[in-house]
Amino acid sequence: MMPQESLFFHLLRCGLWNTPAGKLPEPLPTPEEWQGVWETARRQTVRGLLWSAIGQLPREQRPPQPMMWTMLAAVDAIERSNVQMASAVGATRLLLEQEGVKPILMKGMAVGLLYTHPEWRECGDIDWFIPSGQVFKNLPAQLRRQGYAPTASADGSLSFDIQDAEVELHQQLIDIEAPQCQKVLSKLIAEEGFREIHTGDGTVFSIPSPMLSLIMLNAHLMKHAFTVGIGLRQFCDMARAYHTWHEQYDADRLTYYYKRLGLQRWTGLMHSILTDYLGLPAYELPSPLIRKEADSQRLMKTILEEGNFGQHTIAWQRAADSHANIKRHTVKQILRKMPFSMRYAPWEMICKIGSLTLGQWKKPITITITDKQ
């Protein structure tokens, strides 16, 4: 690992686990090296974590003062964005509940609460799961009556803007394509259910149980790692989820469902990333760690090159001007990565190509909501 890359991961781990960064070894990073480290953090959307670690360095070892001001401005923007997103989450929940919909908060904003400094986690869009297929079918007309303009995405989700934030409504909680997994998923979601969380301002949201959340985050990571790309922020989310919930679920049961859902091989590779690069203790994993060093190095190289969701490549930038080009780019990425992905999730990757080229394989899952404390 090159010195600049080593410094980046050292600071990332310190920020992720809120541990002192200590003193950096001599010679200290040059301004150009600090700029490279910060640029990597920007591409991976983990600037808040690095800022947390840099703030704990001895003053004489921090980046030059002009760069510190630049970093502070970026983190301040992240904080303000999180305030705006929290407001949009609340507004969306009220909007949906006024229409008789009880949504489940997914991924980003819910996982952000697992961090030591949630306000420094860079946020994306707002994701909600709508458990009832019939309710989901009626939503476009209901939203239009309220003055919104929902658009359908290729994966069947609905998108619209509220308070300058992008909202996505999903009819699939766990993004797994394989047809033979759908009954397993339906049974699992019904058994696990959802639970309420209370935010600092007294707002209450429903989120998936820890086991459902871990499977959801895991499948999301795999899907993007083997298609358009994935960033380190999502791996950090998974590490924080394992750390926070490692005594709140049945590890043997989670491992069983990883296997049933075709995630087992991929999970071993993902665990190597979490422990070797992000410093998650192996005892907080649901199963014994089997290191896949060569493949984890290869995957990490791809992650660092492609950036968050693969959006820092020339190919993505050329394709981002239309949905049709993005879809073609996605298929090309799947085909390019297939020799690697077929070793870890062969059936899921075959189904993923099928869903992109021949339409969706799976039917929406309808679930009865049961809040579990």
Protein backbone atom coordinates (compact mmCIF):
# COMPACT_ATOMS: atom_id res chain seq x y z
CA MET A 1 0.00 0.00 0.00
CA MET A 2 1.41 3.40 -1.01
CA PRO A 3 2.08 5.97 1.78
CA GLN A 4 -0.75 8.27 0.65
CA GLU A 5 -3.20 5.37 0.51
CA SER A 6 -1.97 4.10 3.87
CA LEU A 7 -2.57 7.55 5.41
CA PHE A 8 -6.08 7.67 3.94
CA PHE A 9 -7.08 4.32 5.45
CA HIS A 10 -5.46 5.16 8.79
CA LEU A 11 -7.53 8.33 9.06
CA LEU A 12 -10.66 6.60 7.76
CA ARG A 13 -10.44 3.91 10.46
CA CYS A 14 -9.84 6.49 13.17
CA GLY A 15 -12.87 8.50 12.04
CA LEU A 16 -15.05 5.42 11.64
CA TRP A 17 -14.37 4.14 15.16
CA ASN A 18 -13.80 7.53 16.83
CA THR A 19 -10.29 6.59 17.98
CA PRO A 20 -7.31 8.96 18.37
CA ALA A 21 -5.27 9.36 15.20
CA GLY A 22 -2.04 9.61 17.19
CA LYS A 23 1.10 11.08 15.67
CA LEU A 24 1.82 10.55 12.00
CA PRO A 25 5.18 8.97 11.12
CA GLU A 26 7.92 11.11 9.64
CA PRO A 27 8.22 12.49 7.05
CA LEU A 28 4.90 14.29 7.30
CA PRO A 29 2.61 14.41 4.26
CA THR A 30 3.28 17.17 1.76
CA PRO A 31 0.45 19.56 0.81
CA GLU A 32 0.09 17.62 -2.44
CA GLU A 33 -0.27 14.34 -0.54
CA TRP A 34 -2.86 15.87 1.79
CA GLN A 35 -4.75 17.08 -1.27
CA GLY A 36 -4.66 13.55 -2.70
CA VAL A 37 -5.98 12.07 0.55
CA TRP A 38 -8.82 14.59 0.70
CA GLU A 39 -9.68 14.01 -2.96
CA THR A 40 -9.94 10.26 -2.29
CA ALA A 41 -12.28 11.02 0.62
CA ARG A 42 -14.39 13.21 -1.66
CA ARG A 43 -14.65 10.51 -4.34
CA GLN A 44 -15.61 7.95 -1.70
CA THR A 45 -18.00 10.35 0.14
CA VAL A 46 -16.27 9.85 3.51
CA ARG A 47 -14.95 13.37 4.09
CA GLY A 48 -16.75 13.66 7.43
CA LEU A 49 -14.95 10.59 8.77
CA LEU A 50 -11.55 11.92 7.71
CA TRP A 51 -12.33 15.32 9.19
CA SER A 52 -13.12 13.65 12.50
CA ALA A 53 -9.69 11.99 12.51
CA ILE A 54 -7.76 15.01 11.24
CA GLY A 55 -9.22 17.11 14.03
CA GLN A 56 -7.58 14.78 16.56
CA LEU A 57 -4.08 15.12 15.10
CA PRO A 58 -1.52 17.29 16.89
CA ARG A 59 -1.80 20.80 15.47
CA GLU A 60 1.66 20.68 13.90
CA GLN A 61 0.75 17.49 11.99
CA ARG A 62 -2.47 18.72 10.42
CA PRO A 63 -2.77 19.85 6.81
CA PRO A 64 -1.80 23.46 5.97
CA GLN A 65 -4.24 26.05 7.32
CA PRO A 66 -5.72 27.04 3.92
CA MET A 67 -6.53 23.37 3.31
CA MET A 68 -8.05 23.04 6.80
CA TRP A 69 -10.41 25.91 5.94
CA THR A 70 -11.38 24.13 2.71
CA MET A 71 -12.05 20.92 4.64
CA LEU A 72 -14.07 22.77 7.27
CA ALA A 73 -16.23 24.36 4.58
CA ALA A 74 -16.93 20.95 3.03
CA VAL A 75 -17.89 19.42 6.38
CA ASP A 76 -20.08 22.41 7.21
CA ALA A 77 -21.89 21.82 3.91
CA ILE A 78 -22.36 18.15 4.86
CA GLU A 79 -23.88 19.19 8.20
CA ARG A 80 -26.29 21.60 6.53
CA SER A 81 -27.22 18.98 3.95
CA ASN A 82 -28.03 16.51 6.75
CA VAL A 83 -30.28 19.07 8.44
CA GLN A 84 -32.10 19.61 5.16
CA MET A 85 -32.38 15.86 4.56
CA ALA A 86 -33.78 15.26 8.05
CA SER A 87 -36.44 17.87 7.37
CA ALA A 88 -37.25 16.24 4.02
CA VAL A 89 -37.50 12.82 5.69
CA GLY A 90 -40.04 14.17 8.14
CA ALA A 91 -41.99 15.94 5.39
CA THR A 92 -42.09 12.79 3.26
CA ARG A 93 -43.30 10.67 6.15
CA LEU A 94 -46.12 13.12 6.87
CA LEU A 95 -47.03 13.31 3.18
CA LEU A 96 -47.24 9.53 2.84
CA GLU A 97 -49.09 9.02 6.10
CA GLN A 98 -51.67 11.61 5.01
CA GLU A 99 -52.27 9.33 2.03
CA GLY A 100 -52.73 6.32 4.31
CA VAL A 101 -49.27 4.91 3.68
CA LYS A 102 -47.00 3.71 6.49
CA PRO A 103 -43.48 3.79 4.98
CA ILE A 104 -40.32 2.10 6.23
CA LEU A 105 -37.14 4.19 6.24
CA MET A 106 -34.32 2.37 4.45
CA LYS A 107 -30.54 2.60 4.32
CA GLY A 108 -28.94 6.08 4.38
CA MET A 109 -30.67 8.24 6.97
CA ALA A 110 -31.47 5.27 9.23
CA VAL A 111 -27.91 3.87 9.05
CA GLY A 112 -26.46 7.32 9.64
CA LEU A 113 -27.76 7.20 13.21
CA LEU A 114 -25.27 4.37 13.90
CA TYR A 115 -22.28 6.73 13.56
CA THR A 116 -20.58 8.62 16.37
CA HIS A 117 -21.19 11.81 14.38
CA PRO A 118 -24.29 11.22 12.21
CA GLU A 119 -24.15 14.84 11.10
CA TRP A 120 -20.85 14.15 9.29
CA ARG A 121 -22.03 11.17 7.26
CA GLU A 122 -22.49 12.26 3.66
CA CYS A 123 -26.06 11.60 2.59
CA GLY A 124 -27.48 10.60 -0.77
CA ASP A 125 -31.17 10.33 -1.51
CA ILE A 126 -33.99 9.30 0.84
CA ASP A 127 -35.18 5.71 0.49
CA TRP A 128 -38.52 4.36 1.70
CA PHE A 129 -39.94 0.85 1.46
CA ILE A 130 -43.67 0.61 0.73
CA PRO A 131 -44.76 -2.85 1.96
CA SER A 132 -48.06 -3.10 0.12
CA GLY A 133 -47.98 -3.66 -3.64
CA GLN A 134 -51.48 -2.26 -4.07
CA VAL A 135 -50.65 0.85 -2.06
CA PHE A 136 -47.51 1.33 -4.16
CA LYS A 137 -49.58 1.04 -7.35
CA ASN A 138 -51.84 3.88 -6.21
CA LEU A 139 -49.04 6.20 -5.13
CA PRO A 140 -48.26 7.95 -8.46
CA ALA A 141 -51.81 9.30 -8.76
CA GLN A 142 -51.88 10.26 -5.08
CA LEU A 143 -48.58 12.13 -5.32
CA ARG A 144 -49.65 13.97 -8.47
CA ARG A 145 -52.79 15.14 -6.69
CA GLN A 146 -50.52 16.60 -4.01
CA GLY A 147 -48.56 18.53 -6.63
CA TYR A 148 -45.54 16.22 -6.98
CA ALA A 149 -44.19 14.68 -10.19
CA PRO A 150 -43.12 11.07 -9.52
CA THR A 151 -41.11 9.26 -12.19
CA ALA A 152 -40.63 5.51 -12.52
CA SER A 153 -37.10 4.08 -12.52
CA ALA A 154 -35.87 0.97 -14.32
CA ASP A 155 -35.96 -1.05 -11.08
CA GLY A 156 -39.63 -0.23 -10.50
CA SER A 157 -39.07 2.43 -7.85
CA LEU A 158 -40.68 5.89 -7.85
CA SER A 159 -38.68 9.10 -7.53
CA PHE A 160 -39.74 12.65 -6.74
CA ASP A 161 -38.31 15.75 -5.09
CA ILE A 162 -39.43 17.26 -1.81
CA GLN A 163 -37.73 20.24 -0.15
CA ASP A 164 -34.89 19.99 -2.72
CA ALA A 165 -34.17 16.38 -1.71
CA GLU A 166 -34.59 13.34 -3.93
CA VAL A 167 -36.93 10.69 -2.55
CA GLU A 168 -37.11 7.09 -3.79
CA LEU A 169 -40.05 4.83 -2.97
CA HIS A 170 -39.32 1.11 -3.30
CA GLN A 171 -41.55 -1.92 -3.50
CA GLN A 172 -38.59 -4.23 -2.82
CA LEU A 173 -36.83 -4.05 0.56
CA ILE A 174 -33.93 -6.38 -0.25
CA ASP A 175 -32.50 -6.06 -3.74
CA ILE A 176 -32.16 -9.69 -4.77
CA GLU A 177 -33.30 -10.72 -8.24
CA ALA A 178 -33.23 -14.53 -8.14
CA PRO A 179 -36.82 -15.86 -8.47
CA GLN A 180 -36.21 -18.80 -6.12
CA CYS A 181 -35.33 -16.35 -3.32
CA GLN A 182 -38.58 -14.38 -3.36
CA LYS A 183 -40.59 -16.73 -1.12
CA VAL A 184 -37.65 -16.89 1.29
CA LEU A 185 -37.50 -13.10 1.39
CA SER A 186 -41.25 -12.78 1.89
CA LYS A 187 -41.16 -15.22 4.81
CA LEU A 188 -38.11 -13.56 6.36
CA ILE A 189 -39.54 -10.03 6.15
CA ALA A 190 -42.84 -11.18 7.64
CA GLU A 191 -41.04 -12.90 10.53
CA GLU A 192 -38.58 -10.11 11.28
CA GLY A 193 -40.86 -7.13 10.76
CA PHE A 194 -39.90 -3.58 11.62
CA ARG A 195 -39.21 -1.52 14.69
CA GLU A 196 -39.47 2.11 15.68
CA ILE A 197 -36.59 4.51 16.21
CA HIS A 198 -36.82 7.87 17.97
CA THR A 199 -34.68 10.73 16.72
CA GLY A 200 -33.32 13.55 18.87
CA ASP A 201 -36.20 15.86 17.96
CA GLY A 202 -38.81 13.31 19.06
CA THR A 203 -39.71 12.09 15.57
CA VAL A 204 -40.56 8.39 15.26
CA PHE A 205 -39.76 6.28 12.19
CA SER A 206 -40.17 2.62 11.34
CA ILE A 207 -37.04 0.82 10.12
CA PRO A 208 -36.22 -2.83 9.30
CA SER A 209 -35.03 -5.08 12.13
CA PRO A 210 -31.23 -5.41 12.56
CA MET A 211 -31.20 -8.72 10.66
CA LEU A 212 -33.26 -7.36 7.77
CA SER A 213 -31.10 -4.22 7.70
CA LEU A 214 -27.88 -6.24 7.53
CA ILE A 215 -29.18 -8.40 4.67
CA MET A 216 -30.51 -5.29 2.90
CA LEU A 217 -27.17 -3.45 3.20
CA ASN A 218 -25.23 -6.56 2.18
CA ALA A 219 -27.33 -7.19 -0.95
CA HIS A 220 -27.12 -3.49 -1.86
CA LEU A 221 -23.33 -3.59 -1.61
CA MET A 222 -23.10 -6.70 -3.77
CA LYS A 223 -25.47 -5.37 -6.42
CA HIS A 224 -23.49 -2.17 -6.94
CA ALA A 225 -20.02 -3.73 -6.52
CA PHE A 226 -20.72 -6.05 -9.45
CA THR A 227 -22.57 -3.50 -11.61
CA VAL A 228 -21.88 0.24 -11.83
CA GLY A 229 -19.65 0.34 -8.75
CA ILE A 230 -19.77 1.06 -5.03
CA GLY A 231 -17.96 3.43 -2.68
CA LEU A 232 -16.34 3.07 0.72
CA ARG A 233 -19.18 4.93 2.45
CA GLN A 234 -21.45 1.92 1.97
CA PHE A 235 -18.80 -0.43 3.39
CA CYS A 236 -18.48 1.93 6.36
CA ASP A 237 -22.26 1.71 6.82
CA MET A 238 -22.00 -2.08 6.91
CA ALA A 239 -19.14 -1.95 9.42
CA ARG A 240 -21.08 0.39 11.73
CA ALA A 241 -24.17 -1.83 11.42
CA TYR A 242 -22.24 -4.97 12.39
CA HIS A 243 -20.57 -3.10 15.25
CA THR A 244 -23.79 -1.60 16.64
CA TRP A 245 -26.01 -4.65 16.25
CA HIS A 246 -23.64 -7.57 16.77
CA GLU A 247 -25.49 -8.68 19.91
CA GLN A 248 -28.99 -7.85 18.63
CA TYR A 249 -29.53 -10.68 16.13
CA ASP A 250 -29.03 -14.45 15.85
CA ALA A 251 -25.69 -14.83 14.05
CA ASP A 252 -26.37 -18.43 12.99
CA ARG A 253 -29.73 -17.43 11.55
CA LEU A 254 -28.21 -14.52 9.64
CA THR A 255 -25.50 -16.80 8.22
CA TYR A 256 -28.20 -19.30 7.21
CA TYR A 257 -30.11 -16.62 5.29
CA TYR A 258 -26.95 -15.34 3.64
CA LYS A 259 -26.55 -18.87 2.24
CA ARG A 260 -30.23 -19.28 1.26
CA LEU A 261 -30.22 -15.94 -0.56
CA GLY A 262 -27.02 -16.59 -2.51
CA LEU A 263 -24.95 -14.06 -0.55
CA GLN A 264 -22.58 -16.44 1.21
CA ARG A 265 -19.55 -16.27 -1.10
CA TRP A 266 -19.83 -12.52 -1.58
CA THR A 267 -20.22 -12.04 2.18
CA GLY A 268 -16.82 -13.65 2.78
CA LEU A 269 -15.21 -11.18 0.38
CA MET A 270 -17.07 -8.26 1.92
CA HIS A 271 -15.98 -9.34 5.41
CA SER A 272 -12.36 -9.22 4.26
CA ILE A 273 -12.82 -5.59 3.20
CA LEU A 274 -14.45 -4.68 6.52
CA THR A 275 -11.71 -6.23 8.66
CA ASP A 276 -8.57 -5.68 6.60
CA TYR A 277 -9.23 -2.14 5.40
CA LEU A 278 -11.79 -0.68 7.82
CA GLY A 279 -10.67 -2.30 11.06
CA LEU A 280 -13.92 -4.03 12.08
CA PRO A 281 -13.07 -6.60 14.79
CA ALA A 282 -13.53 -10.13 13.44
CA TYR A 283 -15.51 -11.14 16.53
CA GLU A 284 -18.25 -8.70 15.50
CA LEU A 285 -18.88 -10.66 12.30
CA PRO A 286 -21.72 -13.22 12.26
CA SER A 287 -19.39 -16.02 11.09
CA PRO A 288 -15.67 -16.87 11.26
CA LEU A 289 -13.54 -14.74 8.97
CA ILE A 290 -12.05 -16.50 5.96
CA ARG A 291 -9.71 -13.98 4.37
CA LYS A 292 -9.76 -13.57 0.59
CA GLU A 293 -6.74 -11.31 0.41
CA ALA A 294 -6.04 -11.35 -3.34
CA ASP A 295 -9.65 -10.76 -4.32
CA SER A 296 -10.23 -8.14 -1.62
CA GLN A 297 -7.20 -6.23 -2.94
CA ARG A 298 -8.59 -6.46 -6.45
CA LEU A 299 -12.02 -5.25 -5.33
CA MET A 300 -10.50 -2.40 -3.33
CA LYS A 301 -8.48 -1.29 -6.34
CA THR A 302 -11.73 -1.09 -8.33
CA ILE A 303 -13.50 0.81 -5.51
CA LEU A 304 -10.74 3.40 -5.31
CA GLU A 305 -10.61 3.83 -9.09
CA GLU A 306 -14.37 4.11 -9.68
CA GLY A 307 -15.42 6.18 -6.67
CA ASN A 308 -18.87 6.35 -5.12
CA PHE A 309 -21.31 4.28 -7.24
CA GLY A 310 -18.77 4.32 -10.06
CA GLN A 311 -19.50 7.98 -10.80
CA HIS A 312 -15.88 9.09 -11.07
CA THR A 313 -14.98 7.21 -14.23
CA ILE A 314 -14.87 8.70 -17.71
CA ALA A 315 -17.30 6.02 -18.93
CA TRP A 316 -19.91 7.05 -16.33
CA GLN A 317 -19.55 10.74 -17.09
CA ARG A 318 -20.11 10.05 -20.78
CA ALA A 319 -23.21 7.96 -20.02
CA ALA A 320 -24.83 10.18 -17.39
CA ASP A 321 -26.67 12.38 -19.87
CA SER A 322 -29.65 10.01 -20.31
CA HIS A 323 -31.36 7.02 -18.68
CA ALA A 324 -30.85 4.93 -21.82
CA ASN A 325 -27.10 5.57 -21.80
CA ILE A 326 -26.91 4.80 -18.08
CA LYS A 327 -28.68 1.48 -18.67
CA ARG A 328 -26.27 0.58 -21.49
CA HIS A 329 -23.34 1.60 -19.30
CA THR A 330 -24.67 -0.62 -16.48
CA VAL A 331 -24.94 -3.65 -18.78
CA LYS A 332 -21.40 -3.03 -20.04
CA GLN A 333 -20.10 -2.83 -16.48
CA ILE A 334 -21.84 -6.07 -15.51
CA LEU A 335 -20.33 -7.85 -18.51
CA ARG A 336 -16.87 -6.41 -17.80
CA LYS A 337 -16.98 -7.55 -14.18
CA MET A 338 -18.65 -10.88 -14.86
CA PRO A 339 -15.55 -13.14 -14.61
CA PHE A 340 -15.10 -11.79 -11.06
CA SER A 341 -18.75 -11.58 -10.01
CA MET A 342 -19.64 -15.05 -11.30
CA ARG A 343 -17.23 -16.52 -8.76
CA TYR A 344 -19.16 -14.95 -5.92
CA ALA A 345 -22.82 -14.66 -6.97
CA PRO A 346 -23.35 -16.50 -10.28
CA TRP A 347 -27.10 -16.98 -10.22
CA GLU A 348 -27.80 -13.49 -8.94
CA MET A 349 -25.67 -11.96 -11.69
CA ILE A 350 -27.45 -13.99 -14.38
CA CYS A 351 -30.79 -12.79 -13.00
CA LYS A 352 -29.51 -9.22 -12.82
CA ILE A 353 -28.73 -9.23 -16.53
CA GLY A 354 -32.12 -10.79 -17.20
CA SER A 355 -33.91 -8.07 -15.28
CA LEU A 356 -32.08 -5.35 -17.19
CA THR A 357 -32.62 -6.86 -20.63
CA LEU A 358 -35.86 -8.84 -20.40
CA GLY A 359 -37.77 -7.06 -17.64
CA GLN A 360 -38.20 -7.77 -13.95
CA TRP A 361 -38.14 -11.43 -12.86
CA LYS A 362 -39.67 -10.90 -9.47
CA LYS A 363 -43.07 -9.78 -8.31
CA PRO A 364 -43.40 -7.10 -5.62
CA ILE A 365 -43.59 -8.52 -2.11
CA THR A 366 -46.60 -7.51 -0.04
CA ILE A 367 -45.97 -7.47 3.70
CA THR A 368 -48.14 -6.78 6.69
CA ILE A 369 -46.30 -4.30 8.93
CA THR A 370 -45.67 -5.37 12.51
CA ASP A 371 -43.57 -3.06 14.65
CA LYS A 372 -41.19 -5.06 16.84
CA GLN A 373 -39.36 -3.35 19.67
